[in-house]
């Protein structure tokens, strides 16, 4: 599983970096995404769900949102 720590970035960079990571991720692999920016914590999961990715929220505190994204589900919509 590939992990991208985007906690040091502010919107819209986390969304852009997540999109780029998903493009290079092999089919069937998962991506762990760490977000801290308030807007990104809203926008990134919303985009992923809209695009048909399976998104699992691992943890959600006031400081950090941790997501697991399954790439393969996007092709199965």
Protein backbone atom coordinates (compact mmCIF):
# COMPACT_ATOMS: atom_id res chain seq x y z
CA UNK A 1 0.00 0.00 0.00
CA UNK A 2 1.30 3.41 -0.97
CA UNK A 3 1.00 6.17 1.64
CA UNK A 4 1.00 9.86 0.82
CA UNK A 5 1.27 12.30 3.69
CA UNK A 6 -0.37 15.54 2.57
CA UNK A 7 -0.61 17.10 6.01
CA UNK A 8 1.85 19.87 5.12
CA UNK A 9 -0.14 20.99 2.07
CA UNK A 10 -3.16 23.24 1.72
CA UNK A 11 -6.06 23.11 -0.72
CA UNK A 12 -6.02 22.47 -3.67
CA UNK A 13 -2.62 20.72 -3.63
CA UNK A 14 -3.74 17.62 -1.67
CA UNK A 15 -6.47 16.92 -4.23
CA UNK A 16 -4.03 17.33 -7.13
CA UNK A 17 -1.43 15.09 -5.48
CA UNK A 18 -4.07 12.45 -4.68
CA UNK A 19 -5.22 12.41 -8.32
CA UNK A 20 -1.62 12.04 -9.53
CA UNK A 21 -0.91 9.23 -7.06
CA UNK A 22 -4.01 7.34 -8.17
CA UNK A 23 -2.96 7.63 -11.83
CA UNK A 24 0.34 5.89 -11.13
CA UNK A 25 -1.06 3.31 -8.71
CA UNK A 26 -1.30 -0.22 -10.15
CA UNK A 27 -4.76 -1.79 -10.43
CA UNK A 28 -5.86 -3.57 -7.26
CA UNK A 29 -3.54 -1.52 -5.05
CA UNK A 30 -4.66 0.76 -2.25
CA UNK A 31 -3.63 4.28 -1.39
CA UNK A 32 -3.42 5.67 2.14
CA UNK A 33 -3.99 9.42 2.25
CA UNK A 34 -3.28 11.66 5.25
CA UNK A 35 -4.90 15.10 5.29
CA UNK A 36 -4.95 17.95 7.80
CA UNK A 37 -6.20 20.97 5.84
CA UNK A 38 -9.89 21.61 6.60
CA UNK A 39 -10.91 22.21 2.99
CA UNK A 40 -8.95 19.22 1.70
CA UNK A 41 -10.52 17.00 4.34
CA UNK A 42 -13.85 17.85 2.78
CA UNK A 43 -12.91 18.06 -0.92
CA UNK A 44 -10.68 15.00 -1.36
CA UNK A 45 -13.14 12.35 -0.05
CA UNK A 46 -16.01 14.04 -1.89
CA UNK A 47 -14.09 13.91 -5.18
CA UNK A 48 -13.03 10.28 -4.67
CA UNK A 49 -16.56 9.11 -3.93
CA UNK A 50 -17.92 11.07 -6.89
CA UNK A 51 -15.37 9.35 -9.15
CA UNK A 52 -16.42 5.92 -7.87
CA UNK A 53 -13.43 5.01 -5.73
CA UNK A 54 -14.01 2.99 -2.57
CA UNK A 55 -13.05 5.27 0.32
CA UNK A 56 -12.57 3.96 3.84
CA UNK A 57 -12.16 6.46 6.66
CA UNK A 58 -9.58 4.98 9.03
CA UNK A 59 -9.43 7.86 11.47
CA UNK A 60 -10.86 11.34 11.74
CA UNK A 61 -9.69 13.64 14.51
CA UNK A 62 -9.52 17.39 14.72
CA UNK A 63 -5.92 17.28 13.43
CA UNK A 64 -5.91 14.44 10.89
CA UNK A 65 -8.08 12.56 8.41
CA UNK A 66 -6.72 9.19 7.30
CA UNK A 67 -8.28 7.51 4.27
CA UNK A 68 -7.71 4.25 2.43
CA UNK A 69 -8.65 4.45 -1.25
CA UNK A 70 -9.17 1.33 -3.38
CA UNK A 71 -8.39 2.04 -7.00
CA UNK A 72 -9.96 -1.05 -8.52
CA UNK A 73 -13.52 -0.08 -7.59
CA UNK A 74 -13.39 2.94 -9.90
CA UNK A 75 -13.43 0.62 -12.93
CA UNK A 76 -16.40 -1.35 -11.58
CA UNK A 77 -19.00 1.42 -11.42
